[in-house]
C-alpha atoms as a PDB file:
ATOM      1  CA  MET A   1     -49.444  40.974  78.983  1.00  0.00           C
ATOM      2  CA  SER A   2     -51.751  43.140  76.921  1.00  0.00           C
ATOM      3  CA  ASP A   3     -50.097  45.341  74.191  1.00  0.00           C
ATOM      4  CA  ALA A   4     -51.134  48.589  75.987  1.00  0.00           C
ATOM      5  CA  LEU A   5     -49.648  47.294  79.233  1.00  0.00           C
ATOM      6  CA  LYS A   6     -46.467  46.185  77.529  1.00  0.00           C
ATOM      7  CA  LEU A   7     -46.087  49.603  75.824  1.00  0.00           C
ATOM      8  CA  THR A   8     -46.603  51.369  79.219  1.00  0.00           C
ATOM      9  CA  ALA A   9     -44.112  49.229  81.043  1.00  0.00           C
ATOM     10  CA  PHE A  10     -41.591  49.483  78.170  1.00  0.00           C
ATOM     11  CA  ARG A  11     -41.932  53.219  78.110  1.00  0.00           C
ATOM     12  CA  ALA A  12     -41.220  53.585  81.849  1.00  0.00           C
ATOM     13  CA  ILE A  13     -38.085  51.244  81.611  1.00  0.00           C
ATOM     14  CA  TYR A  14     -36.782  53.262  78.482  1.00  0.00           C
ATOM     15  CA  ASP A  15     -37.364  56.562  80.184  1.00  0.00           C
ATOM     16  CA  ALA A  16     -35.672  55.564  83.433  1.00  0.00           C
ATOM     17  CA  ASN A  17     -32.766  53.728  81.818  1.00  0.00           C
ATOM     18  CA  VAL A  18     -31.904  55.134  78.465  1.00  0.00           C
ATOM     19  CA  ASP A  19     -28.874  57.200  79.812  1.00  0.00           C
ATOM     20  CA  TYR A  20     -27.816  54.099  81.807  1.00  0.00           C
ATOM     21  CA  VAL A  21     -27.631  51.960  78.753  1.00  0.00           C
ATOM     22  CA  GLN A  22     -25.915  54.716  76.615  1.00  0.00           C
ATOM     23  CA  ALA A  23     -23.227  54.966  79.364  1.00  0.00           C
ATOM     24  CA  THR A  24     -22.916  51.219  79.549  1.00  0.00           C
ATOM     25  CA  LEU A  25     -22.515  51.085  75.721  1.00  0.00           C
ATOM     26  CA  ARG A  26     -19.833  53.719  75.802  1.00  0.00           C
ATOM     27  CA  ARG A  27     -17.918  51.859  78.590  1.00  0.00           C
ATOM     28  CA  LEU A  28     -18.079  48.756  76.527  1.00  0.00           C
ATOM     29  CA  GLY A  29     -16.495  50.436  73.586  1.00  0.00           C
ATOM     30  CA  VAL A  30     -19.310  51.660  71.396  1.00  0.00           C
ATOM     31  CA  SER A  31     -18.197  54.760  69.818  1.00  0.00           C
ATOM     32  CA  ALA A  32     -20.061  58.112  70.465  1.00  0.00           C
ATOM     33  CA  ALA A  33     -21.225  58.321  66.931  1.00  0.00           C
ATOM     34  CA  GLU A  34     -22.936  54.799  67.066  1.00  0.00           C
ATOM     35  CA  THR A  35     -24.192  54.847  70.623  1.00  0.00           C
ATOM     36  CA  GLU A  36     -27.674  56.094  69.644  1.00  0.00           C
ATOM     37  CA  ASP A  37     -28.121  53.355  67.040  1.00  0.00           C
ATOM     38  CA  VAL A  38     -26.780  50.593  69.351  1.00  0.00           C
ATOM     39  CA  THR A  39     -29.012  51.997  72.152  1.00  0.00           C
ATOM     40  CA  HIS A  40     -32.011  51.546  69.824  1.00  0.00           C
ATOM     41  CA  ASP A  41     -30.891  47.981  68.990  1.00  0.00           C
ATOM     42  CA  VAL A  42     -30.733  47.297  72.821  1.00  0.00           C
ATOM     43  CA  PHE A  43     -34.149  48.563  73.583  1.00  0.00           C
ATOM     44  CA  VAL A  44     -35.558  46.583  70.600  1.00  0.00           C
ATOM     45  CA  ALA A  45     -34.200  43.492  72.121  1.00  0.00           C
ATOM     46  CA  VAL A  46     -35.539  44.539  75.560  1.00  0.00           C
ATOM     47  CA  PHE A  47     -38.969  45.100  74.095  1.00  0.00           C
ATOM     48  CA  ARG A  48     -39.040  41.744  72.373  1.00  0.00           C
ATOM     49  CA  HIS A  49     -38.004  39.939  75.614  1.00  0.00           C
ATOM     50  CA  LEU A  50     -40.252  42.154  78.008  1.00  0.00           C
ATOM     51  CA  GLU A  51     -42.389  39.125  79.097  1.00  0.00           C
ATOM     52  CA  ASP A  52     -39.286  37.408  80.167  1.00  0.00           C
ATOM     53  CA  TYR A  53     -38.315  39.910  82.729  1.00  0.00           C
ATOM     54  CA  ASP A  54     -38.944  38.951  86.370  1.00  0.00           C
ATOM     55  CA  PRO A  55     -39.977  42.035  88.327  1.00  0.00           C
ATOM     56  CA  ALA A  56     -38.675  40.436  91.603  1.00  0.00           C
ATOM     57  CA  ARG A  57     -35.190  40.769  90.225  1.00  0.00           C
ATOM     58  CA  PRO A  58     -33.184  43.915  89.657  1.00  0.00           C
ATOM     59  CA  LEU A  59     -33.675  45.616  86.169  1.00  0.00           C
ATOM     60  CA  ARG A  60     -30.235  47.034  85.560  1.00  0.00           C
ATOM     61  CA  PRO A  61     -28.366  43.701  85.508  1.00  0.00           C
ATOM     62  CA  TRP A  62     -30.990  42.313  83.155  1.00  0.00           C
ATOM     63  CA  LEU A  63     -30.547  45.478  80.873  1.00  0.00           C
ATOM     64  CA  PHE A  64     -26.776  45.164  81.163  1.00  0.00           C
ATOM     65  CA  GLY A  65     -27.164  41.650  79.652  1.00  0.00           C
ATOM     66  CA  PHE A  66     -28.845  43.019  76.626  1.00  0.00           C
ATOM     67  CA  ALA A  67     -26.330  45.952  76.216  1.00  0.00           C
ATOM     68  CA  TYR A  68     -23.366  43.430  76.577  1.00  0.00           C
ATOM     69  CA  ARG A  69     -24.715  41.057  74.002  1.00  0.00           C
ATOM     70  CA  VAL A  70     -25.765  43.961  71.565  1.00  0.00           C
ATOM     71  CA  ALA A  71     -22.426  45.599  71.999  1.00  0.00           C
ATOM     72  CA  LEU A  72     -20.578  42.310  71.268  1.00  0.00           C
ATOM     73  CA  ASP A  73     -22.593  41.742  68.168  1.00  0.00           C
ATOM     74  CA  HIS A  74     -21.808  45.282  67.161  1.00  0.00           C
ATOM     75  CA  ARG A  75     -18.072  44.641  67.541  1.00  0.00           C
ATOM     76  CA  ARG A  76     -18.229  41.460  65.766  1.00  0.00           C
ATOM     77  CA  LEU A  77     -20.078  43.201  62.722  1.00  0.00           C
ATOM     78  CA  ALA A  78     -17.490  46.047  62.906  1.00  0.00           C
ATOM     79  CA  ARG A  79     -14.590  43.704  62.689  1.00  0.00           C
ATOM     80  CA  HIS A  80     -16.250  41.928  59.629  1.00  0.00           C
ATOM     81  CA  ARG A  81     -16.592  45.279  57.936  1.00  0.00           C
ATOM     82  CA  ASN A  82     -12.949  46.039  58.832  1.00  0.00           C
ATOM     83  CA  GLU A  83     -14.121  49.098  60.817  1.00  0.00           C
ATOM     84  CA  ALA A  84     -11.677  50.333  63.505  1.00  0.00           C
ATOM     85  CA  ASN A  85     -13.203  52.295  66.434  1.00  0.00           C
ATOM     86  CA  ALA A  86     -10.656  55.183  66.836  1.00  0.00           C
ATOM     87  CA  PRO A  87     -10.284  56.436  70.489  1.00  0.00           C
ATOM     88  CA  GLU A  88     -12.252  59.608  71.003  1.00  0.00           C
ATOM     89  CA  GLY A  89     -12.097  62.439  73.138  1.00  0.00           C
ATOM     90  CA  HIS A  90      -9.539  64.528  71.555  1.00  0.00           C
ATOM     91  CA  GLU A  91     -11.745  67.200  70.107  1.00  0.00           C
ATOM     92  CA  MET A  92     -12.665  70.161  72.351  1.00  0.00           C
ATOM     93  CA  LYS A  93     -16.172  71.229  72.612  1.00  0.00           C
ATOM     94  CA  ASP A  94     -15.411  74.926  72.937  1.00  0.00           C
ATOM     95  CA  ASP A  95     -12.493  77.091  72.177  1.00  0.00           C
ATOM     96  CA  ALA A  96     -12.605  78.952  75.503  1.00  0.00           C
ATOM     97  CA  PRO A  97     -10.011  77.693  78.025  1.00  0.00           C
ATOM     98  CA  LEU A  98     -11.232  75.312  80.657  1.00  0.00           C
ATOM     99  CA  PRO A  99     -10.599  75.756  84.332  1.00  0.00           C
ATOM    100  CA  ASP A 100      -7.649  73.487  85.474  1.00  0.00           C
ATOM    101  CA  GLU A 101      -9.844  71.068  87.365  1.00  0.00           C
ATOM    102  CA  LEU A 102     -12.069  70.353  84.381  1.00  0.00           C
ATOM    103  CA  LEU A 103      -9.087  69.987  82.174  1.00  0.00           C
ATOM    104  CA  GLU A 104      -7.605  67.483  84.437  1.00  0.00           C
ATOM    105  CA  GLU A 105     -10.963  65.646  84.785  1.00  0.00           C
ATOM    106  CA  GLU A 106     -11.152  65.464  80.977  1.00  0.00           C
ATOM    107  CA  ARG A 107      -7.492  64.187  80.676  1.00  0.00           C
ATOM    108  CA  ALA A 108      -8.485  61.390  83.322  1.00  0.00           C
ATOM    109  CA  ARG A 109     -11.485  60.563  81.278  1.00  0.00           C
ATOM    110  CA  ILE A 110      -9.578  60.330  78.168  1.00  0.00           C
ATOM    111  CA  LEU A 111      -6.820  58.345  79.707  1.00  0.00           C
ATOM    112  CA  CYS A 112      -9.339  55.934  81.182  1.00  0.00           C
ATOM    113  CA  GLN A 113     -11.140  55.571  77.842  1.00  0.00           C
ATOM    114  CA  ARG A 114      -7.895  54.864  76.226  1.00  0.00           C
ATOM    115  CA  GLY A 115      -7.083  52.131  78.797  1.00  0.00           C
ATOM    116  CA  LEU A 116     -10.624  50.554  78.387  1.00  0.00           C
ATOM    117  CA  ASP A 117     -10.268  50.774  74.505  1.00  0.00           C
ATOM    118  CA  ALA A 118      -6.951  48.676  74.572  1.00  0.00           C
ATOM    119  CA  LEU A 119      -8.516  45.832  76.412  1.00  0.00           C
ATOM    120  CA  ASP A 120     -10.194  42.990  74.590  1.00  0.00           C
ATOM    121  CA  PHE A 121     -13.947  42.912  75.020  1.00  0.00           C
ATOM    122  CA  ASP A 122     -14.225  40.159  77.721  1.00  0.00           C
ATOM    123  CA  LYS A 123     -11.600  41.994  79.845  1.00  0.00           C
ATOM    124  CA  ARG A 124     -13.221  45.263  79.424  1.00  0.00           C
ATOM    125  CA  THR A 125     -16.617  43.850  80.224  1.00  0.00           C
ATOM    126  CA  VAL A 126     -15.469  42.249  83.586  1.00  0.00           C
ATOM    127  CA  LEU A 127     -13.627  45.527  84.567  1.00  0.00           C
ATOM    128  CA  VAL A 128     -16.597  47.762  83.676  1.00  0.00           C
ATOM    129  CA  MET A 129     -18.995  45.405  85.608  1.00  0.00           C
ATOM    130  CA  PHE A 130     -16.747  45.244  88.674  1.00  0.00           C
ATOM    131  CA  GLU A 131     -15.306  48.803  88.958  1.00  0.00           C
ATOM    132  CA  ILE A 132     -17.868  50.970  87.145  1.00  0.00           C
ATOM    133  CA  GLU A 133     -21.123  49.090  87.633  1.00  0.00           C
ATOM    134  CA  GLY A 134     -20.180  48.081  91.043  1.00  0.00           C
ATOM    135  CA  ARG A 135     -21.053  44.251  90.480  1.00  0.00           C
ATOM    136  CA  SER A 136     -19.785  41.755  92.977  1.00  0.00           C
ATOM    137  CA  ALA A 137     -17.502  38.984  91.717  1.00  0.00           C
ATOM    138  CA  GLN A 138     -20.231  36.570  92.460  1.00  0.00           C
ATOM    139  CA  GLU A 139     -22.633  38.545  90.103  1.00  0.00           C
ATOM    140  CA  ILE A 140     -20.036  38.454  87.413  1.00  0.00           C
ATOM    141  CA  ALA A 141     -19.390  34.662  87.902  1.00  0.00           C
ATOM    142  CA  ASP A 142     -23.202  34.161  87.601  1.00  0.00           C
ATOM    143  CA  HIS A 143     -23.448  36.409  84.532  1.00  0.00           C
ATOM    144  CA  PHE A 144     -20.786  34.493  82.773  1.00  0.00           C
ATOM    145  CA  SER A 145     -21.642  31.113  84.202  1.00  0.00           C
ATOM    146  CA  ILE A 146     -18.118  30.586  85.605  1.00  0.00           C
ATOM    147  CA  PRO A 147     -16.606  29.591  89.012  1.00  0.00           C
ATOM    148  CA  LEU A 148     -16.222  32.365  91.502  1.00  0.00           C
ATOM    149  CA  ASN A 149     -12.559  31.935  91.610  1.00  0.00           C
ATOM    150  CA  THR A 150     -12.289  32.419  87.767  1.00  0.00           C
ATOM    151  CA  ALA A 151     -14.245  35.648  88.110  1.00  0.00           C
ATOM    152  CA  TYR A 152     -11.723  36.940  90.656  1.00  0.00           C
ATOM    153  CA  SER A 153      -8.927  35.760  88.381  1.00  0.00           C
ATOM    154  CA  ARG A 154     -10.539  37.686  85.442  1.00  0.00           C
ATOM    155  CA  ILE A 155     -11.007  40.863  87.479  1.00  0.00           C
ATOM    156  CA  ARG A 156      -7.325  40.760  88.575  1.00  0.00           C
ATOM    157  CA  LEU A 157      -6.036  40.142  85.062  1.00  0.00           C
ATOM    158  CA  ALA A 158      -8.302  42.890  83.664  1.00  0.00           C
ATOM    159  CA  ARG A 159      -7.049  45.395  86.316  1.00  0.00           C
ATOM    160  CA  ALA A 160      -3.312  44.519  85.767  1.00  0.00           C
ATOM    161  CA  GLU A 161      -3.723  45.032  81.932  1.00  0.00           C
ATOM    162  CA  PHE A 162      -5.827  48.280  82.332  1.00  0.00           C
ATOM    163  CA  GLU A 163      -3.058  49.605  84.664  1.00  0.00           C
ATOM    164  CA  ARG A 164      -0.353  48.707  82.193  1.00  0.00           C
ATOM    165  CA  HIS A 165      -2.191  50.598  79.359  1.00  0.00           C
ATOM    166  CA  ILE A 166      -2.817  53.704  81.436  1.00  0.00           C
ATOM    167  CA  ARG A 167       0.791  53.846  82.543  1.00  0.00           C
ATOM    168  CA  LYS A 168       1.807  53.483  78.902  1.00  0.00           C
ATOM    169  CA  TYR A 169      -0.692  56.348  77.970  1.00  0.00           C
ATOM    170  CA  GLY A 170       0.642  58.706  80.429  1.00  0.00           C
ATOM    171  CA  ALA A 171      -0.572  58.085  84.019  1.00  0.00           C
ATOM    172  CA  PRO A 172       1.938  58.377  86.827  1.00  0.00           C
ATOM    173  CA  ARG A 173       3.304  55.177  88.267  1.00  0.00           C
END
């Protein structure tokens, strides 16, 4: 692939998917303050491996793989630096009162984020892939190179732990 063609293809992928990658990274536990830098790292890896992409296959699962690996590396590096990613979402963006519906949505989002933050990285990833990304258990099994029944078991365990955490943080039973 020529350099000009590679740059054009990369630009199109970046423009169409940067929001998706950022949202995926946040769901995988990257803090809001670090999302931009980690997104950059994801797209550097995407650019380096652009020739490996098979256009006959869906793009977003391929991008998710990069986001997953970069987020995992980021968490490992943070652990080595003894950085703790504190849960976010407590700050208000505006002092003006929010309508009840918006306030309830924000509470639900914070509760969900706390539940996800409490999961270990592997459980969080499986839950995000299945419940948020809409991936099938078979796709999860293929992604992790595990048997299908193991994927179902991991989904079930991740859901159960997530539910325990959100009940602990204040969701009704």
